[in-house]
Amino acid sequence: MTARPAPNLAIDLSGLNCPLPILRTKKALAPLQSGEVLQVTCTDPATPTDFAAFCKQTGNELLEQWQDAHQYLFLIRKR
Protein backbone atom coordinates (compact mmCIF):
# COMPACT_ATOMS: atom_id res chain seq x y z
CA MET A 1 0.00 0.00 0.00
CA THR A 2 1.31 3.43 -0.91
CA ALA A 3 1.38 6.29 1.57
CA ARG A 4 -1.22 9.01 1.31
CA PRO A 5 0.09 12.11 -0.42
CA ALA A 6 0.66 15.04 1.94
CA PRO A 7 -1.99 17.70 1.32
CA ASN A 8 -0.94 21.17 0.20
CA LEU A 9 -4.00 22.53 2.00
CA ALA A 10 -6.43 21.05 4.54
CA ILE A 11 -9.88 22.41 5.34
CA ASP A 12 -12.31 21.32 8.05
CA LEU A 13 -15.94 21.60 7.01
CA SER A 14 -17.35 19.70 10.00
CA GLY A 15 -20.90 20.72 10.86
CA LEU A 16 -21.71 21.99 7.37
CA ASN A 17 -24.41 20.32 5.29
CA CYS A 18 -25.01 20.11 1.54
CA PRO A 19 -24.33 22.15 -0.52
CA LEU A 20 -21.82 24.05 1.64
CA PRO A 21 -19.06 21.38 1.72
CA ILE A 22 -18.95 21.30 -2.10
CA LEU A 23 -19.06 25.10 -2.41
CA ARG A 24 -16.29 25.60 0.15
CA THR A 25 -14.20 22.87 -1.47
CA LYS A 26 -14.56 24.50 -4.88
CA LYS A 27 -13.43 27.81 -3.35
CA ALA A 28 -10.46 26.16 -1.59
CA LEU A 29 -9.31 24.44 -4.81
CA ALA A 30 -9.30 27.69 -6.82
CA PRO A 31 -5.91 29.07 -5.65
CA LEU A 32 -4.16 25.68 -5.77
CA GLN A 33 -1.89 24.81 -8.68
CA SER A 34 -2.66 21.87 -10.95
CA GLY A 35 -1.56 18.63 -9.26
CA GLU A 36 -1.72 20.02 -5.71
CA VAL A 37 -3.75 18.09 -3.13
CA LEU A 38 -6.57 19.34 -0.91
CA GLN A 39 -7.67 17.41 2.18
CA VAL A 40 -11.26 17.97 3.22
CA THR A 41 -12.85 16.88 6.51
CA CYS A 42 -16.66 16.72 6.66
CA THR A 43 -19.36 15.35 8.94
CA ASP A 44 -22.30 15.35 6.48
CA PRO A 45 -23.05 11.68 5.64
CA ALA A 46 -24.01 12.72 2.08
CA THR A 47 -20.51 13.96 1.28
CA PRO A 48 -19.04 10.66 -0.03
CA THR A 49 -21.63 10.65 -2.83
CA ASP A 50 -21.42 14.42 -3.31
CA PHE A 51 -17.62 14.50 -3.61
CA ALA A 52 -17.54 11.58 -6.05
CA ALA A 53 -20.01 13.44 -8.31
CA PHE A 54 -18.20 16.78 -7.84
CA CYS A 55 -14.85 15.31 -8.89
CA LYS A 56 -16.36 13.51 -11.86
CA GLN A 57 -18.04 16.73 -13.06
CA THR A 58 -15.05 19.02 -12.50
CA GLY A 59 -12.25 16.72 -13.63
CA ASN A 60 -10.47 16.86 -10.27
CA GLU A 61 -9.20 13.52 -9.00
CA LEU A 62 -10.64 11.98 -5.85
CA LEU A 63 -7.46 10.27 -4.68
CA GLU A 64 -8.84 8.74 -1.54
CA GLN A 65 -11.73 8.89 0.88
CA TRP A 66 -12.09 7.33 4.28
CA GLN A 67 -14.15 7.56 7.43
CA ASP A 68 -12.70 8.20 10.87
CA ALA A 69 -15.33 7.96 13.64
CA HIS A 70 -18.02 10.47 12.56
CA GLN A 71 -15.85 12.30 10.05
CA TYR A 72 -15.43 11.75 6.33
CA LEU A 73 -12.05 12.65 4.88
CA PHE A 74 -11.20 13.24 1.23
CA LEU A 75 -8.00 13.83 -0.71
CA ILE A 76 -8.63 15.68 -3.96
CA ARG A 77 -5.94 16.43 -6.57
CA LYS A 78 -6.63 19.56 -8.58
CA ARG A 79 -6.75 18.96 -12.33
C-alpha atoms as a PDB file:
ATOM      1  CA  MET A   1       0.000   0.000   0.000  1.00  0.00           C
ATOM      2  CA  THR A   2       1.313   3.434  -0.911  1.00  0.00           C
ATOM      3  CA  ALA A   3       1.377   6.286   1.571  1.00  0.00           C
ATOM      4  CA  ARG A   4      -1.217   9.007   1.307  1.00  0.00           C
ATOM      5  CA  PRO A   5       0.093  12.112  -0.416  1.00  0.00           C
ATOM      6  CA  ALA A   6       0.655  15.038   1.936  1.00  0.00           C
ATOM      7  CA  PRO A   7      -1.987  17.700   1.317  1.00  0.00           C
ATOM      8  CA  ASN A   8      -0.939  21.168   0.196  1.00  0.00           C
ATOM      9  CA  LEU A   9      -4.001  22.533   1.999  1.00  0.00           C
ATOM     10  CA  ALA A  10      -6.432  21.048   4.536  1.00  0.00           C
ATOM     11  CA  ILE A  11      -9.880  22.413   5.345  1.00  0.00           C
ATOM     12  CA  ASP A  12     -12.308  21.318   8.054  1.00  0.00           C
ATOM     13  CA  LEU A  13     -15.944  21.599   7.010  1.00  0.00           C
ATOM     14  CA  SER A  14     -17.352  19.698   9.998  1.00  0.00           C
ATOM     15  CA  GLY A  15     -20.900  20.719  10.856  1.00  0.00           C
ATOM     16  CA  LEU A  16     -21.714  21.990   7.366  1.00  0.00           C
ATOM     17  CA  ASN A  17     -24.410  20.316   5.287  1.00  0.00           C
ATOM     18  CA  CYS A  18     -25.011  20.106   1.544  1.00  0.00           C
ATOM     19  CA  PRO A  19     -24.335  22.152  -0.523  1.00  0.00           C
ATOM     20  CA  LEU A  20     -21.823  24.048   1.644  1.00  0.00           C
ATOM     21  CA  PRO A  21     -19.056  21.379   1.716  1.00  0.00           C
ATOM     22  CA  ILE A  22     -18.954  21.303  -2.100  1.00  0.00           C
ATOM     23  CA  LEU A  23     -19.063  25.097  -2.412  1.00  0.00           C
ATOM     24  CA  ARG A  24     -16.289  25.601   0.152  1.00  0.00           C
ATOM     25  CA  THR A  25     -14.198  22.867  -1.471  1.00  0.00           C
ATOM     26  CA  LYS A  26     -14.564  24.503  -4.876  1.00  0.00           C
ATOM     27  CA  LYS A  27     -13.428  27.813  -3.353  1.00  0.00           C
ATOM     28  CA  ALA A  28     -10.456  26.159  -1.590  1.00  0.00           C
ATOM     29  CA  LEU A  29      -9.314  24.442  -4.810  1.00  0.00           C
ATOM     30  CA  ALA A  30      -9.304  27.690  -6.817  1.00  0.00           C
ATOM     31  CA  PRO A  31      -5.914  29.073  -5.648  1.00  0.00           C
ATOM     32  CA  LEU A  32      -4.164  25.679  -5.774  1.00  0.00           C
ATOM     33  CA  GLN A  33      -1.891  24.809  -8.677  1.00  0.00           C
ATOM     34  CA  SER A  34      -2.658  21.868 -10.951  1.00  0.00           C
ATOM     35  CA  GLY A  35      -1.564  18.632  -9.259  1.00  0.00           C
ATOM     36  CA  GLU A  36      -1.721  20.015  -5.712  1.00  0.00           C
ATOM     37  CA  VAL A  37      -3.753  18.094  -3.128  1.00  0.00           C
ATOM     38  CA  LEU A  38      -6.569  19.339  -0.911  1.00  0.00           C
ATOM     39  CA  GLN A  39      -7.666  17.406   2.177  1.00  0.00           C
ATOM     40  CA  VAL A  40     -11.263  17.970   3.217  1.00  0.00           C
ATOM     41  CA  THR A  41     -12.849  16.879   6.512  1.00  0.00           C
ATOM     42  CA  CYS A  42     -16.660  16.722   6.662  1.00  0.00           C
ATOM     43  CA  THR A  43     -19.359  15.347   8.939  1.00  0.00           C
ATOM     44  CA  ASP A  44     -22.299  15.349   6.483  1.00  0.00           C
ATOM     45  CA  PRO A  45     -23.054  11.680   5.639  1.00  0.00           C
ATOM     46  CA  ALA A  46     -24.014  12.724   2.080  1.00  0.00           C
ATOM     47  CA  THR A  47     -20.506  13.962   1.280  1.00  0.00           C
ATOM     48  CA  PRO A  48     -19.036  10.661  -0.033  1.00  0.00           C
ATOM     49  CA  THR A  49     -21.626  10.649  -2.832  1.00  0.00           C
ATOM     50  CA  ASP A  50     -21.422  14.425  -3.306  1.00  0.00           C
ATOM     51  CA  PHE A  51     -17.624  14.505  -3.608  1.00  0.00           C
ATOM     52  CA  ALA A  52     -17.541  11.583  -6.050  1.00  0.00           C
ATOM     53  CA  ALA A  53     -20.013  13.436  -8.308  1.00  0.00           C
ATOM     54  CA  PHE A  54     -18.201  16.782  -7.839  1.00  0.00           C
ATOM     55  CA  CYS A  55     -14.850  15.312  -8.887  1.00  0.00           C
ATOM     56  CA  LYS A  56     -16.362  13.509 -11.861  1.00  0.00           C
ATOM     57  CA  GLN A  57     -18.040  16.726 -13.062  1.00  0.00           C
ATOM     58  CA  THR A  58     -15.050  19.022 -12.497  1.00  0.00           C
ATOM     59  CA  GLY A  59     -12.245  16.716 -13.632  1.00  0.00           C
ATOM     60  CA  ASN A  60     -10.471  16.861 -10.271  1.00  0.00           C
ATOM     61  CA  GLU A  61      -9.196  13.519  -9.000  1.00  0.00           C
ATOM     62  CA  LEU A  62     -10.639  11.984  -5.846  1.00  0.00           C
ATOM     63  CA  LEU A  63      -7.461  10.268  -4.680  1.00  0.00           C
ATOM     64  CA  GLU A  64      -8.839   8.737  -1.540  1.00  0.00           C
ATOM     65  CA  GLN A  65     -11.727   8.895   0.878  1.00  0.00           C
ATOM     66  CA  TRP A  66     -12.087   7.326   4.277  1.00  0.00           C
ATOM     67  CA  GLN A  67     -14.150   7.555   7.429  1.00  0.00           C
ATOM     68  CA  ASP A  68     -12.703   8.203  10.869  1.00  0.00           C
ATOM     69  CA  ALA A  69     -15.332   7.962  13.637  1.00  0.00           C
ATOM     70  CA  HIS A  70     -18.019  10.475  12.564  1.00  0.00           C
ATOM     71  CA  GLN A  71     -15.845  12.300  10.051  1.00  0.00           C
ATOM     72  CA  TYR A  72     -15.429  11.755   6.331  1.00  0.00           C
ATOM     73  CA  LEU A  73     -12.047  12.651   4.876  1.00  0.00           C
ATOM     74  CA  PHE A  74     -11.199  13.239   1.228  1.00  0.00           C
ATOM     75  CA  LEU A  75      -7.998  13.828  -0.707  1.00  0.00           C
ATOM     76  CA  ILE A  76      -8.626  15.679  -3.957  1.00  0.00           C
ATOM     77  CA  ARG A  77      -5.943  16.430  -6.570  1.00  0.00           C
ATOM     78  CA  LYS A  78      -6.631  19.556  -8.578  1.00  0.00           C
ATOM     79  CA  ARG A  79      -6.752  18.956 -12.331  1.00  0.00           C
END
